[in-house]
């Protein structure tokens, strides 16, 4: 997969450098790295450069040396790469700590109340507490603040409330 990404990245970089010589004057491609004139290296094997063309301003300016210098180009690609890294970490975090879909108070066979969480994948969790109503209220407050409440979010709020 990385080979295909790099093949496309190299093809697009070549074209952009052809249309805007200041990009090639400031940047070179060494393997999987975009290297600036200042020696800063950026691994571009984990990003798909053609996606950046969805940005209309970039698409318009990339071929014009008066609008986008080689330095500007490197900084844009660097920022794009960092943004992708952040988004990937968020996706991994979301997979690790899924959002809560539902929360109810239930009773066990002895009549002792406990909390039941359901995540977006349908998995259920039991949480034993002496004050289930307080946990439910904490969840409702958190839900008003955030569109998605994860098990980690709620766990942090519960821990801070104690």
Protein backbone atom coordinates (compact mmCIF):
# COMPACT_ATOMS: atom_id res chain seq x y z
CA UNK A 1 0.00 0.00 0.00
CA UNK A 2 2.82 2.39 0.89
CA UNK A 3 4.39 1.75 -2.53
CA UNK A 4 1.19 2.85 -4.31
CA UNK A 5 0.89 5.93 -2.09
CA UNK A 6 4.51 6.89 -2.74
CA UNK A 7 4.13 6.25 -6.46
CA UNK A 8 1.17 8.67 -6.59
CA UNK A 9 2.89 11.15 -4.26
CA UNK A 10 5.99 11.14 -6.46
CA UNK A 11 3.92 11.62 -9.61
CA UNK A 12 2.05 14.60 -8.15
CA UNK A 13 5.22 16.15 -6.69
CA UNK A 14 6.92 15.86 -10.07
CA UNK A 15 4.02 17.66 -11.74
CA UNK A 16 3.84 20.37 -9.11
CA UNK A 17 7.60 20.92 -9.38
CA UNK A 18 7.32 21.12 -13.15
CA UNK A 19 4.61 23.80 -12.99
CA UNK A 20 6.19 25.71 -10.10
CA UNK A 21 10.02 25.61 -10.21
CA UNK A 22 10.33 27.27 -6.79
CA UNK A 23 9.03 24.02 -5.26
CA UNK A 24 11.90 22.02 -6.77
CA UNK A 25 14.42 24.76 -5.91
CA UNK A 26 13.52 24.46 -2.23
CA UNK A 27 12.50 20.80 -1.94
CA UNK A 28 13.77 17.41 -3.04
CA UNK A 29 12.36 13.92 -2.72
CA UNK A 30 14.69 11.39 -1.09
CA UNK A 31 12.99 8.02 -0.81
CA UNK A 32 9.89 8.55 1.32
CA UNK A 33 11.03 11.96 2.52
CA UNK A 34 10.35 15.45 1.25
CA UNK A 35 13.52 17.32 2.16
CA UNK A 36 13.64 21.11 2.41
CA UNK A 37 16.59 23.23 1.38
CA UNK A 38 17.21 23.75 5.11
CA UNK A 39 17.58 19.98 5.59
CA UNK A 40 14.26 19.39 7.33
CA UNK A 41 12.86 15.96 6.42
CA UNK A 42 9.21 15.04 6.23
CA UNK A 43 8.04 11.43 5.82
CA UNK A 44 5.28 11.57 3.21
CA UNK A 45 4.71 7.82 2.94
CA UNK A 46 1.80 7.93 5.38
CA UNK A 47 -0.08 10.75 3.65
CA UNK A 48 -1.75 10.82 0.27
CA UNK A 49 -0.75 14.10 -1.36
CA UNK A 50 -3.43 14.13 -4.10
CA UNK A 51 -6.02 14.60 -1.31
CA UNK A 52 -4.63 18.06 -0.64
CA UNK A 53 -6.04 19.11 -4.00
CA UNK A 54 -9.48 19.16 -2.39
CA UNK A 55 -8.35 22.50 -0.97
CA UNK A 56 -9.27 25.01 -3.65
CA UNK A 57 -6.71 27.63 -2.60
CA UNK A 58 -3.90 25.08 -2.70
CA UNK A 59 -5.05 23.75 -6.07
CA UNK A 60 -5.13 27.28 -7.48
CA UNK A 61 -1.80 28.45 -6.03
CA UNK A 62 0.45 25.36 -6.29
CA UNK A 63 1.38 26.04 -9.91
CA UNK A 64 2.10 29.74 -9.39
CA UNK A 65 5.51 30.64 -7.95
CA UNK A 66 4.25 34.14 -7.12
CA UNK A 67 1.53 32.67 -4.91
CA UNK A 68 3.34 29.66 -3.40
CA UNK A 69 7.06 29.50 -2.77
CA UNK A 70 8.96 26.27 -2.17
CA UNK A 71 9.12 27.15 1.53
CA UNK A 72 5.33 27.69 1.61
CA UNK A 73 4.81 24.37 -0.14
CA UNK A 74 6.94 22.51 2.41
CA UNK A 75 5.14 24.17 5.33
CA UNK A 76 1.72 23.31 3.86
CA UNK A 77 2.70 19.67 3.36
CA UNK A 78 4.16 19.58 6.87
CA UNK A 79 0.95 20.96 8.37
CA UNK A 80 -1.13 18.54 6.28
CA UNK A 81 1.01 15.65 7.54
CA UNK A 82 0.69 16.76 11.18
CA UNK A 83 -3.08 17.12 10.80
CA UNK A 84 -3.33 13.60 9.39
CA UNK A 85 -1.30 12.26 12.32
CA UNK A 86 -3.66 13.93 14.80
CA UNK A 87 -6.72 12.60 13.00
CA UNK A 88 -5.26 9.09 12.94
CA UNK A 89 -4.56 9.23 16.68
CA UNK A 90 -8.15 10.35 17.25
CA UNK A 91 -9.44 7.42 15.16
CA UNK A 92 -7.30 5.00 17.15
CA UNK A 93 -8.46 6.55 20.42
CA UNK A 94 -12.08 6.27 19.29
CA UNK A 95 -11.61 2.60 18.44
CA UNK A 96 -9.97 1.99 21.81
CA UNK A 97 -12.59 3.95 23.78
CA UNK A 98 -15.90 3.79 21.90
CA UNK A 99 -18.65 6.33 22.40
CA UNK A 100 -21.42 5.55 24.85
CA UNK A 101 -24.73 5.08 23.11
CA UNK A 102 -26.95 4.44 26.11
CA UNK A 103 -26.82 4.34 29.88
CA UNK A 104 -29.40 2.92 32.26
CA UNK A 105 -29.73 1.98 35.90
CA UNK A 106 -30.58 -1.66 36.49
CA UNK A 107 -30.88 -3.95 39.51
CA UNK A 108 -29.19 -7.28 40.08
CA UNK A 109 -30.97 -10.34 41.52
CA UNK A 110 -30.46 -8.99 45.08
CA UNK A 111 -32.04 -5.66 44.13
CA UNK A 112 -28.74 -3.78 44.22
CA UNK A 113 -28.67 -0.99 41.61
CA UNK A 114 -25.84 -0.71 39.06
CA UNK A 115 -25.15 1.19 35.85
CA UNK A 116 -25.30 -0.43 32.40
CA UNK A 117 -23.44 1.31 29.55
CA UNK A 118 -23.92 0.38 25.90
CA UNK A 119 -21.32 1.53 23.39
CA UNK A 120 -21.86 2.27 19.71
CA UNK A 121 -20.81 -1.29 18.88
CA UNK A 122 -23.56 -2.76 21.04
CA UNK A 123 -21.17 -3.96 23.75
CA UNK A 124 -22.50 -3.61 27.30
CA UNK A 125 -20.55 -2.73 30.43
CA UNK A 126 -21.55 -2.97 34.06
CA UNK A 127 -20.47 -0.35 36.57
CA UNK A 128 -21.14 -0.94 40.27
CA UNK A 129 -21.56 2.17 42.35
CA UNK A 130 -23.26 3.17 45.58
CA UNK A 131 -24.79 6.19 43.83
CA UNK A 132 -25.96 5.28 40.31
CA UNK A 133 -28.11 8.40 40.02
CA UNK A 134 -25.03 10.62 40.44
CA UNK A 135 -23.23 8.72 37.64
CA UNK A 136 -26.26 9.14 35.40
CA UNK A 137 -26.30 12.89 36.14
CA UNK A 138 -22.57 13.17 35.40
CA UNK A 139 -23.15 11.41 32.08
CA UNK A 140 -26.06 13.71 31.18
CA UNK A 141 -23.97 16.81 32.00
CA UNK A 142 -21.07 15.51 29.92
CA UNK A 143 -23.40 14.64 27.05
CA UNK A 144 -24.62 18.26 26.97
CA UNK A 145 -21.01 19.41 26.60
CA UNK A 146 -19.83 16.89 24.00
CA UNK A 147 -21.51 15.30 21.00
CA UNK A 148 -19.78 11.98 21.71
CA UNK A 149 -19.02 10.78 25.20
CA UNK A 150 -16.53 7.93 25.39
CA UNK A 151 -16.00 5.49 28.21
CA UNK A 152 -12.69 7.23 28.86
CA UNK A 153 -14.39 10.65 29.08
CA UNK A 154 -16.95 9.40 31.56
CA UNK A 155 -14.31 7.54 33.56
CA UNK A 156 -12.32 10.76 33.93
CA UNK A 157 -15.36 12.72 35.06
CA UNK A 158 -16.32 10.01 37.57
CA UNK A 159 -12.78 9.92 38.92
CA UNK A 160 -12.67 13.69 39.31
CA UNK A 161 -16.07 13.71 41.07
CA UNK A 162 -14.83 11.31 43.76
